[in-house]
Amino acid sequence: MIAKRVIWRLESDRYALTTSSLHDLGRQLGDCYDGKDPERMGYRVIEKLRGVAWEKFAAMDMFFVKVCRPVDARSTCYSYSRLGC
């Protein structure tokens, strides 16, 4: 749950479609903005959208994968082999 909170803090405006660059996408989703113009939404409406988005985001099953570049793996393996590990 900690990882989800970190991601949410960084990306919440995207997931809630409150970023001005995503308003067109939100308009295409029908009742995303409750029939209001997203350019003129007040703070309470934005917080409501974030709350609804958080509930959906928190309920999702997620998993995280550590990605390692092959170049890094080879250099690490090489370092260990030189140390006799």
Protein backbone atom coordinates (compact mmCIF):
# COMPACT_ATOMS: atom_id res chain seq x y z
CA MET A 1 0.00 0.00 0.00
CA ILE A 2 2.94 2.33 0.56
CA ALA A 3 4.00 2.07 -3.08
CA LYS A 4 0.46 2.90 -4.19
CA ARG A 5 0.41 6.01 -2.01
CA VAL A 6 3.72 7.18 -3.43
CA ILE A 7 2.52 6.69 -6.99
CA TRP A 8 -0.77 8.41 -6.14
CA ARG A 9 0.99 11.46 -4.72
CA LEU A 10 3.05 11.80 -7.87
CA GLU A 11 0.37 11.01 -10.45
CA SER A 12 -3.03 11.75 -8.84
CA ASP A 13 -3.90 14.61 -11.19
CA ARG A 14 -3.43 12.34 -14.18
CA TYR A 15 -5.54 9.52 -12.75
CA ALA A 16 -8.29 11.95 -11.69
CA LEU A 17 -8.12 13.73 -15.09
CA THR A 18 -7.78 17.10 -13.38
CA THR A 19 -4.71 18.17 -15.36
CA SER A 20 -5.72 20.69 -18.01
CA SER A 21 -3.97 18.68 -20.73
CA LEU A 22 -6.30 15.73 -19.97
CA HIS A 23 -9.61 17.63 -19.93
CA ASP A 24 -10.39 16.59 -23.51
CA LEU A 25 -10.01 12.94 -22.55
CA GLY A 26 -12.31 13.42 -19.56
CA ARG A 27 -14.94 15.05 -21.77
CA GLN A 28 -14.91 11.98 -24.03
CA LEU A 29 -15.69 9.73 -21.05
CA GLY A 30 -19.21 11.08 -20.67
CA ASP A 31 -20.08 11.95 -17.09
CA CYS A 32 -16.50 12.22 -15.84
CA TYR A 33 -16.96 15.86 -14.81
CA ASP A 34 -20.63 15.55 -13.78
CA GLY A 35 -21.69 17.70 -16.74
CA LYS A 36 -19.50 20.62 -15.64
CA ASP A 37 -16.91 22.44 -17.67
CA PRO A 38 -13.51 21.17 -16.43
CA GLU A 39 -11.92 24.53 -17.21
CA ARG A 40 -14.17 26.18 -14.61
CA MET A 41 -14.31 23.54 -11.90
CA GLY A 42 -13.96 24.71 -8.34
CA TYR A 43 -11.67 23.23 -5.73
CA ARG A 44 -14.42 21.09 -4.17
CA VAL A 45 -15.28 19.45 -7.50
CA ILE A 46 -11.59 18.71 -8.16
CA GLU A 47 -11.23 17.17 -4.69
CA LYS A 48 -14.34 15.07 -5.28
CA LEU A 49 -12.86 13.78 -8.55
CA ARG A 50 -9.61 12.96 -6.77
CA GLY A 51 -11.50 11.12 -4.04
CA VAL A 52 -13.42 8.98 -6.53
CA ALA A 53 -10.24 8.28 -8.49
CA TRP A 54 -8.37 7.33 -5.30
CA GLU A 55 -11.05 4.80 -4.34
CA LYS A 56 -10.73 3.12 -7.72
CA PHE A 57 -6.92 3.32 -7.72
CA ALA A 58 -6.63 1.89 -4.19
CA ALA A 59 -8.93 -1.02 -5.08
CA MET A 60 -6.80 -2.10 -8.06
CA ASP A 61 -4.51 -5.10 -7.75
CA MET A 62 -1.01 -4.00 -8.67
CA PHE A 63 2.39 -5.59 -8.72
CA PHE A 64 5.79 -4.05 -9.22
CA VAL A 65 8.69 -5.49 -11.13
CA LYS A 66 12.26 -4.42 -10.64
CA VAL A 67 13.79 -3.83 -14.03
CA CYS A 68 17.47 -4.38 -14.49
CA ARG A 69 19.33 -3.52 -17.63
CA PRO A 70 21.46 -6.39 -18.95
CA VAL A 71 24.52 -4.14 -19.00
CA ASP A 72 24.20 -3.52 -15.26
CA ALA A 73 23.68 -7.22 -14.55
CA ARG A 74 26.84 -8.17 -16.46
CA SER A 75 28.96 -5.56 -14.70
CA THR A 76 27.62 -6.70 -11.32
CA CYS A 77 28.29 -10.34 -12.13
CA TYR A 78 31.76 -9.45 -13.38
CA SER A 79 32.52 -7.56 -10.17
CA TYR A 80 31.41 -10.50 -8.03
CA SER A 81 33.45 -12.98 -10.04
CA ARG A 82 36.58 -10.89 -9.61
CA LEU A 83 35.99 -10.85 -5.86
CA GLY A 84 35.70 -14.62 -5.80
CA CYS A 85 32.00 -14.60 -4.88
